[in-house]
Protein backbone atom coordinates (compact mmCIF):
# COMPACT_ATOMS: atom_id res chain seq x y z
CA MET A 1 0.17 -0.12 -0.02
CA VAL A 2 1.25 3.56 -0.75
CA PRO A 3 1.71 5.62 2.38
CA ASP A 4 -1.34 8.19 2.70
CA ALA A 5 -2.72 6.61 -0.03
CA LEU A 6 -6.06 5.40 1.87
CA GLU A 7 -8.01 7.21 4.18
CA VAL A 8 -8.52 4.44 6.61
CA ALA A 9 -11.31 5.81 9.04
CA ALA A 10 -13.33 7.03 6.11
CA PRO A 11 -16.88 5.66 5.60
CA PRO A 12 -17.21 3.67 1.93
CA PRO A 13 -18.16 6.08 -0.42
CA GLN A 14 -21.13 5.57 -2.27
CA VAL A 15 -21.35 5.03 -6.29
CA ASP A 16 -23.40 6.65 -8.69
CA GLU A 17 -24.41 3.50 -11.31
CA LEU A 18 -26.91 6.12 -13.34
CA TRP A 19 -25.15 6.66 -16.99
CA PRO A 20 -24.66 10.53 -17.19
CA ASP A 21 -26.81 12.41 -19.89
CA VAL A 22 -23.49 13.29 -21.76
CA LEU A 23 -19.87 10.93 -21.31
CA ALA A 24 -16.87 12.38 -20.71
CA PRO A 25 -15.13 12.79 -24.22
CA ARG A 26 -12.60 9.84 -23.25
CA LEU A 27 -15.30 7.95 -22.12
CA GLU A 28 -17.27 8.90 -25.31
CA SER A 29 -14.66 7.57 -27.24
CA PHE A 30 -14.06 4.60 -25.40
CA VAL A 31 -17.80 3.27 -26.12
CA ALA A 32 -18.00 4.16 -29.61
CA TYR A 33 -14.75 2.43 -30.46
CA LEU A 34 -15.93 -0.69 -29.01
CA ASP A 35 -19.77 0.18 -30.61
CA GLY A 36 -17.46 -0.64 -33.90
CA CYS A 37 -16.43 -3.43 -32.18
CA ARG A 38 -19.89 -5.37 -32.57
CA PRO A 39 -21.42 -7.54 -34.93
CA ALA A 40 -23.87 -6.42 -36.93
CA ASP A 41 -27.00 -8.07 -34.81
CA GLY A 42 -25.98 -5.45 -32.41
CA SER A 43 -24.28 -8.26 -29.74
CA ALA A 44 -21.76 -7.82 -27.77
CA PRO A 45 -18.39 -6.14 -29.13
CA ARG A 46 -16.01 -8.90 -30.28
CA LEU A 47 -12.76 -9.28 -28.98
CA ALA A 48 -11.31 -10.00 -32.14
CA ALA A 49 -12.10 -6.76 -33.38
CA PHE A 50 -10.98 -5.14 -30.35
CA ASP A 51 -7.34 -3.86 -31.18
CA LEU A 52 -5.34 -1.66 -28.08
CA LEU A 53 -3.55 0.30 -31.55
CA GLY A 54 -6.98 1.19 -32.27
CA VAL A 55 -7.45 2.96 -29.16
CA SER A 56 -3.65 4.35 -28.44
CA GLU A 57 -4.81 7.55 -26.96
CA LEU A 58 -6.99 5.72 -24.13
CA ILE A 59 -4.21 2.55 -23.35
CA PRO A 60 -3.08 4.90 -20.44
CA HIS A 61 -6.89 4.69 -18.87
CA LEU A 62 -7.96 0.76 -20.01
CA ILE A 63 -8.35 -2.04 -18.02
CA LEU A 64 -8.04 -5.45 -19.00
CA ILE A 65 -9.98 -7.93 -17.06
CA ASP A 66 -10.29 -11.80 -17.38
CA PRO A 67 -13.26 -13.82 -15.68
CA VAL A 68 -11.63 -17.28 -14.29
CA GLU A 69 -13.41 -20.38 -13.82
CA ILE A 70 -11.94 -21.53 -10.67
CA GLY A 71 -13.49 -24.70 -8.71
CA GLY A 72 -16.95 -23.49 -10.05
CA LYS A 73 -16.66 -19.84 -8.88
CA THR A 74 -15.81 -17.11 -11.25
CA ARG A 75 -12.97 -14.73 -10.40
CA PHE A 76 -11.63 -11.93 -12.10
CA ARG A 77 -7.97 -11.60 -13.08
CA PHE A 78 -6.42 -7.87 -14.30
CA ARG A 79 -4.64 -8.91 -17.64
CA PHE A 80 -3.93 -4.78 -18.84
CA VAL A 81 -4.05 -1.84 -16.44
CA GLY A 82 -2.78 0.94 -18.29
CA THR A 83 -0.55 4.02 -16.26
CA TRP A 84 -3.06 6.60 -15.38
CA HIS A 85 -4.62 3.49 -12.80
CA LEU A 86 -1.43 3.02 -11.74
CA LEU A 87 -0.53 6.42 -10.88
CA THR A 88 -3.13 7.39 -9.96
CA PHE A 89 -4.18 4.68 -7.21
CA GLY A 90 -0.50 3.69 -6.54
CA LEU A 91 -0.94 -0.23 -6.94
CA ASP A 92 -0.18 -2.66 -10.10
CA PRO A 93 -2.81 -5.34 -9.87
CA THR A 94 -1.70 -6.86 -13.23
CA GLY A 95 -1.85 -10.42 -12.76
CA THR A 96 -3.73 -10.74 -9.32
CA TYR A 97 -7.46 -11.76 -8.78
CA ILE A 98 -10.07 -8.33 -7.62
CA ASP A 99 -10.86 -10.56 -4.57
CA GLN A 100 -7.21 -10.30 -3.94
CA LEU A 101 -6.92 -7.01 -3.60
CA SER A 102 -9.09 -5.49 -0.55
CA ASP A 103 -11.32 -6.55 2.37
CA ASP A 104 -12.77 -3.31 1.40
CA PRO A 105 -17.28 -3.05 0.67
CA LEU A 106 -16.22 -1.21 -2.31
CA ALA A 107 -13.91 -4.43 -4.08
CA TRP A 108 -16.94 -6.72 -3.00
CA ARG A 109 -19.11 -4.36 -4.97
CA SER A 110 -16.64 -4.32 -8.09
CA GLN A 111 -16.78 -7.95 -8.38
CA GLU A 112 -20.57 -8.14 -8.33
CA VAL A 113 -20.41 -5.16 -11.21
CA LEU A 114 -18.02 -7.63 -13.25
CA GLU A 115 -20.65 -10.77 -12.63
CA THR A 116 -22.94 -8.81 -13.68
CA ILE A 117 -21.75 -7.51 -17.17
CA LEU A 118 -20.61 -11.62 -17.77
CA SER A 119 -23.98 -12.76 -16.96
CA THR A 120 -25.99 -9.96 -18.89
CA GLY A 121 -23.54 -8.70 -21.41
CA GLU A 122 -24.46 -4.89 -20.56
CA PRO A 123 -21.99 -2.68 -20.08
CA HIS A 124 -21.61 -0.74 -16.75
CA TYR A 125 -20.91 3.01 -15.74
CA TRP A 126 -19.85 4.62 -12.44
CA LEU A 127 -18.73 7.48 -10.77
CA ARG A 128 -17.12 7.49 -7.62
CA PRO A 129 -15.67 9.51 -5.17
CA SER A 130 -12.00 8.64 -4.70
CA VAL A 131 -9.96 8.02 -1.43
CA VAL A 132 -6.80 8.90 -2.84
CA HIS A 133 -5.19 11.97 -1.89
CA ARG A 134 -2.23 12.43 -4.34
CA GLN A 135 -4.47 13.73 -7.32
CA ASP A 136 -6.04 16.73 -8.25
CA PHE A 137 -9.36 15.62 -8.64
CA SER A 138 -12.19 14.64 -5.87
CA TYR A 139 -14.35 11.97 -8.41
CA TYR A 140 -13.00 9.15 -10.50
CA GLN A 141 -15.71 7.63 -13.43
CA ARG A 142 -15.05 4.13 -15.11
CA ILE A 143 -16.97 2.25 -18.28
CA MET A 144 -16.83 -1.52 -18.17
CA MET A 145 -17.87 -3.42 -21.45
CA PRO A 146 -17.94 -6.88 -22.26
CA LEU A 147 -16.03 -8.59 -24.94
CA ALA A 148 -16.94 -11.49 -26.68
CA ASP A 149 -15.87 -14.55 -28.81
CA GLU A 150 -17.13 -15.03 -32.18
CA ALA A 151 -19.50 -17.45 -30.60
CA GLY A 152 -20.71 -14.50 -28.58
CA ARG A 153 -19.20 -15.92 -24.99
CA ILE A 154 -18.29 -12.75 -22.96
CA VAL A 155 -14.31 -13.29 -22.48
CA ARG A 156 -13.17 -10.47 -21.32
CA LEU A 157 -13.69 -6.96 -19.69
CA ALA A 158 -12.52 -3.65 -20.95
CA GLY A 159 -12.68 -0.67 -18.67
CA CYS A 160 -12.00 2.78 -19.37
CA TYR A 161 -11.51 4.92 -16.63
CA ASP A 162 -11.32 8.76 -16.02
CA ALA A 163 -10.86 11.38 -13.29
CA ALA A 164 -14.07 13.29 -12.87
CA ARG A 165 -15.18 16.62 -11.38
CA GLY A 166 -16.86 16.74 -8.13
């Protein structure tokens, strides 16, 4: 843990999961790119069509997560974490499972959200107050979208994070 990174005694921040009327430019660009990765039937964007170089300006803000079945339970492993996330939150979770990161209720909520995206195939937005004190913003926002194989089975989740003013 990074010193002074977390406010230990603070109550868990509330999560706003209502999609805003207008997305921030980075998030709008991310959604537009992934919408372009959808097949003609409009189902989930295809992993085969997703190319990091297609969104090279967003790479620092991206996270890729693999759902992994272990003992009948789905766990979520960080495959790729962009530098914005590393610099902002002060840790590199690449290769670890989300349930290994924290005993925090927000980590549990993250697990629930990823399970919902996996089961519904629907993207998810949230705006969260930051508990990290090193940056110049008080909220961050995130969109997480499913990526499917050619059979339509969700095999990866792609997220884009950005600062938001509170």
